[in-house]
């Protein structure tokens, strides 16, 4: 039986823990090395779908070049959680007070968004649509599908069944760069 695999994009220029990266952040030299270390991909991956953000598209493109698996789609369903623009490029020590206040409330009010950011409810709704999309892409293929995305969205995808009990779980999981898991038991 064919599978759906999930991978976090590789490391990008300017990465710092807690940093909200700009959408156009390119892969770093370390990120390109991480992609090579992730090889070989599991047997059977014939297609790659990716987030439209630059670092994910670069990860997917390099994987395609190295393995021959084709990038068959780029979809906003795989985009990272949309952080409010007020925190893009910031780290926790420079977050604005409005964002800090939202972070305190987000678990008890998952429908609440901060500024132009995505609420947890919106994130999980998109993750559900993304799971349906991945199943549809998978259905039409002979072979496995690899989805290249971002840590928060990947976490939301893998915990859709438990998010109602703890809506912050997607924001708390760790996804190492270029980490690959089989989603067959999680979607």
C-alpha atoms as a PDB file:
ATOM      1  CA  UNK A   1       0.000   0.000   0.000  1.00  0.00           C
ATOM      2  CA  UNK A   2       1.313   3.466  -0.894  1.00  0.00           C
ATOM      3  CA  UNK A   3       1.896   6.062   1.808  1.00  0.00           C
ATOM      4  CA  UNK A   4       1.917   9.800   2.399  1.00  0.00           C
ATOM      5  CA  UNK A   5       5.140  11.096   3.911  1.00  0.00           C
ATOM      6  CA  UNK A   6       5.580  14.452   5.671  1.00  0.00           C
ATOM      7  CA  UNK A   7       8.821  16.456   5.794  1.00  0.00           C
ATOM      8  CA  UNK A   8       9.699  19.770   7.336  1.00  0.00           C
ATOM      9  CA  UNK A   9      11.635  22.083   5.003  1.00  0.00           C
ATOM     10  CA  UNK A  10      15.376  22.308   5.631  1.00  0.00           C
ATOM     11  CA  UNK A  11      17.107  25.088   7.612  1.00  0.00           C
ATOM     12  CA  UNK A  12      16.916  28.602   6.216  1.00  0.00           C
ATOM     13  CA  UNK A  13      19.097  31.712   6.300  1.00  0.00           C
ATOM     14  CA  UNK A  14      18.696  33.679   9.508  1.00  0.00           C
ATOM     15  CA  UNK A  15      17.053  30.908  11.563  1.00  0.00           C
ATOM     16  CA  UNK A  16      16.938  31.548  15.295  1.00  0.00           C
ATOM     17  CA  UNK A  17      14.838  29.651  17.869  1.00  0.00           C
ATOM     18  CA  UNK A  18      11.413  31.257  18.224  1.00  0.00           C
ATOM     19  CA  UNK A  19      12.012  33.359  15.110  1.00  0.00           C
ATOM     20  CA  UNK A  20       9.080  33.968  12.768  1.00  0.00           C
ATOM     21  CA  UNK A  21      10.788  33.726   9.385  1.00  0.00           C
ATOM     22  CA  UNK A  22       9.856  35.929   6.461  1.00  0.00           C
ATOM     23  CA  UNK A  23       8.089  34.001   3.661  1.00  0.00           C
ATOM     24  CA  UNK A  24      11.000  34.527   1.253  1.00  0.00           C
ATOM     25  CA  UNK A  25      13.723  33.151   3.578  1.00  0.00           C
ATOM     26  CA  UNK A  26      16.025  30.965   1.421  1.00  0.00           C
ATOM     27  CA  UNK A  27      17.693  27.724   2.459  1.00  0.00           C
ATOM     28  CA  UNK A  28      21.051  28.020   4.164  1.00  0.00           C
ATOM     29  CA  UNK A  29      24.124  25.951   3.330  1.00  0.00           C
ATOM     30  CA  UNK A  30      23.280  23.915   6.438  1.00  0.00           C
ATOM     31  CA  UNK A  31      19.776  23.332   5.021  1.00  0.00           C
ATOM     32  CA  UNK A  32      21.137  21.987   1.753  1.00  0.00           C
ATOM     33  CA  UNK A  33      23.387  19.655   3.758  1.00  0.00           C
ATOM     34  CA  UNK A  34      20.386  18.486   5.796  1.00  0.00           C
ATOM     35  CA  UNK A  35      18.584  17.523   2.596  1.00  0.00           C
ATOM     36  CA  UNK A  36      21.524  15.372   1.504  1.00  0.00           C
ATOM     37  CA  UNK A  37      21.611  13.744   4.967  1.00  0.00           C
ATOM     38  CA  UNK A  38      17.880  12.931   4.673  1.00  0.00           C
ATOM     39  CA  UNK A  39      18.627  10.711   1.688  1.00  0.00           C
ATOM     40  CA  UNK A  40      17.810   8.174   0.618  1.00  0.00           C
ATOM     41  CA  UNK A  41      14.112   8.873   0.803  1.00  0.00           C
ATOM     42  CA  UNK A  42      11.917   5.854   1.499  1.00  0.00           C
ATOM     43  CA  UNK A  43      11.386   3.601  -1.503  1.00  0.00           C
ATOM     44  CA  UNK A  44       8.267   4.358  -3.444  1.00  0.00           C
ATOM     45  CA  UNK A  45       8.138   8.179  -3.234  1.00  0.00           C
ATOM     46  CA  UNK A  46       7.299   9.253  -6.765  1.00  0.00           C
ATOM     47  CA  UNK A  47       5.632  12.627  -6.209  1.00  0.00           C
ATOM     48  CA  UNK A  48       6.288  15.705  -4.078  1.00  0.00           C
ATOM     49  CA  UNK A  49       3.805  18.414  -3.095  1.00  0.00           C
ATOM     50  CA  UNK A  50       5.013  21.528  -1.349  1.00  0.00           C
ATOM     51  CA  UNK A  51       4.160  24.709   0.468  1.00  0.00           C
ATOM     52  CA  UNK A  52       4.513  27.868  -1.637  1.00  0.00           C
ATOM     53  CA  UNK A  53       7.000  29.416   0.813  1.00  0.00           C
ATOM     54  CA  UNK A  54      10.483  29.752  -0.654  1.00  0.00           C
ATOM     55  CA  UNK A  55      12.328  27.495   1.811  1.00  0.00           C
ATOM     56  CA  UNK A  56       9.835  24.653   1.274  1.00  0.00           C
ATOM     57  CA  UNK A  57       9.899  25.015  -2.536  1.00  0.00           C
ATOM     58  CA  UNK A  58      13.709  24.961  -2.464  1.00  0.00           C
ATOM     59  CA  UNK A  59      13.677  21.832  -0.267  1.00  0.00           C
ATOM     60  CA  UNK A  60      11.203  20.098  -2.614  1.00  0.00           C
ATOM     61  CA  UNK A  61      13.142  21.154  -5.706  1.00  0.00           C
ATOM     62  CA  UNK A  62      16.453  19.866  -4.391  1.00  0.00           C
ATOM     63  CA  UNK A  63      14.847  16.592  -3.306  1.00  0.00           C
ATOM     64  CA  UNK A  64      13.346  16.268  -6.786  1.00  0.00           C
ATOM     65  CA  UNK A  65      16.723  16.910  -8.419  1.00  0.00           C
ATOM     66  CA  UNK A  66      18.438  14.353  -6.181  1.00  0.00           C
ATOM     67  CA  UNK A  67      15.831  11.587  -6.326  1.00  0.00           C
ATOM     68  CA  UNK A  68      13.886  11.993  -9.564  1.00  0.00           C
ATOM     69  CA  UNK A  69      10.575  12.282  -7.697  1.00  0.00           C
ATOM     70  CA  UNK A  70       8.555  15.003  -9.450  1.00  0.00           C
ATOM     71  CA  UNK A  71       7.182  18.101  -7.745  1.00  0.00           C
ATOM     72  CA  UNK A  72       3.558  17.769  -8.850  1.00  0.00           C
ATOM     73  CA  UNK A  73       1.909  20.638  -6.971  1.00  0.00           C
ATOM     74  CA  UNK A  74       2.478  23.708  -4.821  1.00  0.00           C
ATOM     75  CA  UNK A  75      -0.449  24.478  -2.540  1.00  0.00           C
ATOM     76  CA  UNK A  76      -1.194  27.136   0.091  1.00  0.00           C
ATOM     77  CA  UNK A  77      -2.826  24.380   2.154  1.00  0.00           C
ATOM     78  CA  UNK A  78       0.741  23.334   3.091  1.00  0.00           C
ATOM     79  CA  UNK A  79       1.862  26.877   4.016  1.00  0.00           C
ATOM     80  CA  UNK A  80       3.137  27.590   7.510  1.00  0.00           C
ATOM     81  CA  UNK A  81       0.837  28.892  10.227  1.00  0.00           C
ATOM     82  CA  UNK A  82       0.261  32.523   9.300  1.00  0.00           C
ATOM     83  CA  UNK A  83       1.904  34.495  12.068  1.00  0.00           C
ATOM     84  CA  UNK A  84       0.748  38.094  12.473  1.00  0.00           C
ATOM     85  CA  UNK A  85       2.899  40.462  10.416  1.00  0.00           C
ATOM     86  CA  UNK A  86       3.830  42.329  13.613  1.00  0.00           C
ATOM     87  CA  UNK A  87       6.093  39.414  14.653  1.00  0.00           C
ATOM     88  CA  UNK A  88       7.703  38.479  11.325  1.00  0.00           C
ATOM     89  CA  UNK A  89      11.449  38.738  11.806  1.00  0.00           C
ATOM     90  CA  UNK A  90      11.106  38.943  15.607  1.00  0.00           C
ATOM     91  CA  UNK A  91      12.214  36.611  18.370  1.00  0.00           C
ATOM     92  CA  UNK A  92      10.438  36.113  21.715  1.00  0.00           C
ATOM     93  CA  UNK A  93      12.444  38.860  23.431  1.00  0.00           C
ATOM     94  CA  UNK A  94      11.128  41.443  20.929  1.00  0.00           C
ATOM     95  CA  UNK A  95       7.486  40.326  20.534  1.00  0.00           C
ATOM     96  CA  UNK A  96       4.995  43.215  20.812  1.00  0.00           C
ATOM     97  CA  UNK A  97       2.715  43.301  23.909  1.00  0.00           C
ATOM     98  CA  UNK A  98      -0.400  42.591  21.798  1.00  0.00           C
ATOM     99  CA  UNK A  99       1.138  39.316  20.572  1.00  0.00           C
ATOM    100  CA  UNK A 100       2.298  38.345  24.066  1.00  0.00           C
ATOM    101  CA  UNK A 101      -1.257  38.897  25.368  1.00  0.00           C
ATOM    102  CA  UNK A 102      -2.713  36.771  22.560  1.00  0.00           C
ATOM    103  CA  UNK A 103      -0.324  33.929  23.371  1.00  0.00           C
ATOM    104  CA  UNK A 104      -1.718  33.810  26.921  1.00  0.00           C
ATOM    105  CA  UNK A 105      -5.319  33.544  25.610  1.00  0.00           C
ATOM    106  CA  UNK A 106      -4.955  31.327  22.534  1.00  0.00           C
ATOM    107  CA  UNK A 107      -5.476  27.966  24.292  1.00  0.00           C
ATOM    108  CA  UNK A 108      -8.748  29.002  25.914  1.00  0.00           C
ATOM    109  CA  UNK A 109      -9.932  31.051  22.926  1.00  0.00           C
ATOM    110  CA  UNK A 110      -8.662  29.136  19.873  1.00  0.00           C
ATOM    111  CA  UNK A 111     -10.913  31.140  17.523  1.00  0.00           C
ATOM    112  CA  UNK A 112      -9.119  34.356  18.513  1.00  0.00           C
ATOM    113  CA  UNK A 113      -6.565  35.650  15.998  1.00  0.00           C
ATOM    114  CA  UNK A 114      -3.855  38.216  16.673  1.00  0.00           C
ATOM    115  CA  UNK A 115      -3.830  41.028  14.137  1.00  0.00           C
ATOM    116  CA  UNK A 116      -3.657  39.608  10.631  1.00  0.00           C
ATOM    117  CA  UNK A 117      -2.485  36.191  11.875  1.00  0.00           C
ATOM    118  CA  UNK A 118      -4.243  32.833  11.663  1.00  0.00           C
ATOM    119  CA  UNK A 119      -6.192  31.622  14.698  1.00  0.00           C
ATOM    120  CA  UNK A 120      -5.734  28.077  15.972  1.00  0.00           C
ATOM    121  CA  UNK A 121      -9.264  27.271  14.771  1.00  0.00           C
ATOM    122  CA  UNK A 122      -8.361  28.497  11.268  1.00  0.00           C
ATOM    123  CA  UNK A 123      -5.101  26.518  11.376  1.00  0.00           C
ATOM    124  CA  UNK A 124      -6.881  23.263  12.248  1.00  0.00           C
ATOM    125  CA  UNK A 125      -9.600  23.897   9.648  1.00  0.00           C
ATOM    126  CA  UNK A 126      -6.870  24.327   7.009  1.00  0.00           C
ATOM    127  CA  UNK A 127      -5.038  21.236   8.286  1.00  0.00           C
ATOM    128  CA  UNK A 128      -8.244  19.217   7.836  1.00  0.00           C
ATOM    129  CA  UNK A 129      -8.617  20.480   4.259  1.00  0.00           C
ATOM    130  CA  UNK A 130      -4.936  19.699   3.705  1.00  0.00           C
ATOM    131  CA  UNK A 131      -5.391  16.109   4.921  1.00  0.00           C
ATOM    132  CA  UNK A 132      -8.265  15.713   2.430  1.00  0.00           C
ATOM    133  CA  UNK A 133      -6.103  17.246  -0.323  1.00  0.00           C
ATOM    134  CA  UNK A 134      -3.182  14.883   0.432  1.00  0.00           C
ATOM    135  CA  UNK A 135      -5.531  11.890   0.376  1.00  0.00           C
ATOM    136  CA  UNK A 136      -6.849  13.031  -3.025  1.00  0.00           C
ATOM    137  CA  UNK A 137      -3.331  13.530  -4.456  1.00  0.00           C
ATOM    138  CA  UNK A 138      -2.373  10.128  -3.092  1.00  0.00           C
ATOM    139  CA  UNK A 139      -5.444   8.419  -4.583  1.00  0.00           C
ATOM    140  CA  UNK A 140      -4.506   9.474  -8.081  1.00  0.00           C
ATOM    141  CA  UNK A 141      -0.902   8.194  -7.925  1.00  0.00           C
ATOM    142  CA  UNK A 142       1.051   5.013  -8.261  1.00  0.00           C
ATOM    143  CA  UNK A 143       3.574   5.405  -5.490  1.00  0.00           C
ATOM    144  CA  UNK A 144       4.087   7.364  -2.327  1.00  0.00           C
ATOM    145  CA  UNK A 145       3.645  11.132  -1.970  1.00  0.00           C
ATOM    146  CA  UNK A 146       5.975  13.406   0.000  1.00  0.00           C
ATOM    147  CA  UNK A 147       4.525  16.662   1.393  1.00  0.00           C
ATOM    148  CA  UNK A 148       7.100  19.357   2.232  1.00  0.00           C
ATOM    149  CA  UNK A 149       5.765  21.898   4.698  1.00  0.00           C
ATOM    150  CA  UNK A 150       6.453  23.696   7.990  1.00  0.00           C
ATOM    151  CA  UNK A 151       6.574  22.640  11.619  1.00  0.00           C
ATOM    152  CA  UNK A 152       3.297  24.099  12.901  1.00  0.00           C
ATOM    153  CA  UNK A 153       1.179  22.935   9.944  1.00  0.00           C
ATOM    154  CA  UNK A 154       2.798  19.470  10.038  1.00  0.00           C
ATOM    155  CA  UNK A 155       2.074  19.263  13.762  1.00  0.00           C
ATOM    156  CA  UNK A 156      -1.547  20.282  13.162  1.00  0.00           C
ATOM    157  CA  UNK A 157      -1.855  17.598  10.476  1.00  0.00           C
ATOM    158  CA  UNK A 158      -0.528  14.887  12.765  1.00  0.00           C
ATOM    159  CA  UNK A 159      -2.755  15.769  15.720  1.00  0.00           C
ATOM    160  CA  UNK A 160      -6.093  16.546  14.057  1.00  0.00           C
ATOM    161  CA  UNK A 161      -7.837  13.936  16.188  1.00  0.00           C
ATOM    162  CA  UNK A 162      -6.594  15.422  19.492  1.00  0.00           C
ATOM    163  CA  UNK A 163      -6.605  19.165  18.771  1.00  0.00           C
ATOM    164  CA  UNK A 164      -9.998  19.769  20.368  1.00  0.00           C
ATOM    165  CA  UNK A 165      -8.644  18.698  23.781  1.00  0.00           C
ATOM    166  CA  UNK A 166      -5.468  20.799  23.477  1.00  0.00           C
ATOM    167  CA  UNK A 167      -5.575  23.390  20.667  1.00  0.00           C
ATOM    168  CA  UNK A 168      -2.006  24.533  21.390  1.00  0.00           C
ATOM    169  CA  UNK A 169      -0.496  21.120  20.683  1.00  0.00           C
ATOM    170  CA  UNK A 170       0.503  22.118  17.121  1.00  0.00           C
ATOM    171  CA  UNK A 171       2.452  25.072  18.492  1.00  0.00           C
ATOM    172  CA  UNK A 172       4.269  22.930  21.050  1.00  0.00           C
ATOM    173  CA  UNK A 173       5.529  19.986  18.983  1.00  0.00           C
ATOM    174  CA  UNK A 174       9.114  19.899  17.776  1.00  0.00           C
ATOM    175  CA  UNK A 175       9.813  19.134  14.120  1.00  0.00           C
ATOM    176  CA  UNK A 176      13.525  19.074  13.327  1.00  0.00           C
ATOM    177  CA  UNK A 177      14.577  20.479   9.960  1.00  0.00           C
ATOM    178  CA  UNK A 178      14.333  17.930   7.125  1.00  0.00           C
ATOM    179  CA  UNK A 179      12.576  15.511   9.531  1.00  0.00           C
ATOM    180  CA  UNK A 180      10.540  12.877   7.677  1.00  0.00           C
ATOM    181  CA  UNK A 181       7.650  10.766   9.024  1.00  0.00           C
ATOM    182  CA  UNK A 182       5.158   8.364   7.529  1.00  0.00           C
ATOM    183  CA  UNK A 183       1.711   9.919   7.917  1.00  0.00           C
ATOM    184  CA  UNK A 184      -0.244   6.745   7.189  1.00  0.00           C
ATOM    185  CA  UNK A 185      -1.257   6.266  10.819  1.00  0.00           C
ATOM    186  CA  UNK A 186      -1.729   9.987  11.524  1.00  0.00           C
ATOM    187  CA  UNK A 187      -3.983  11.299   8.755  1.00  0.00           C
END
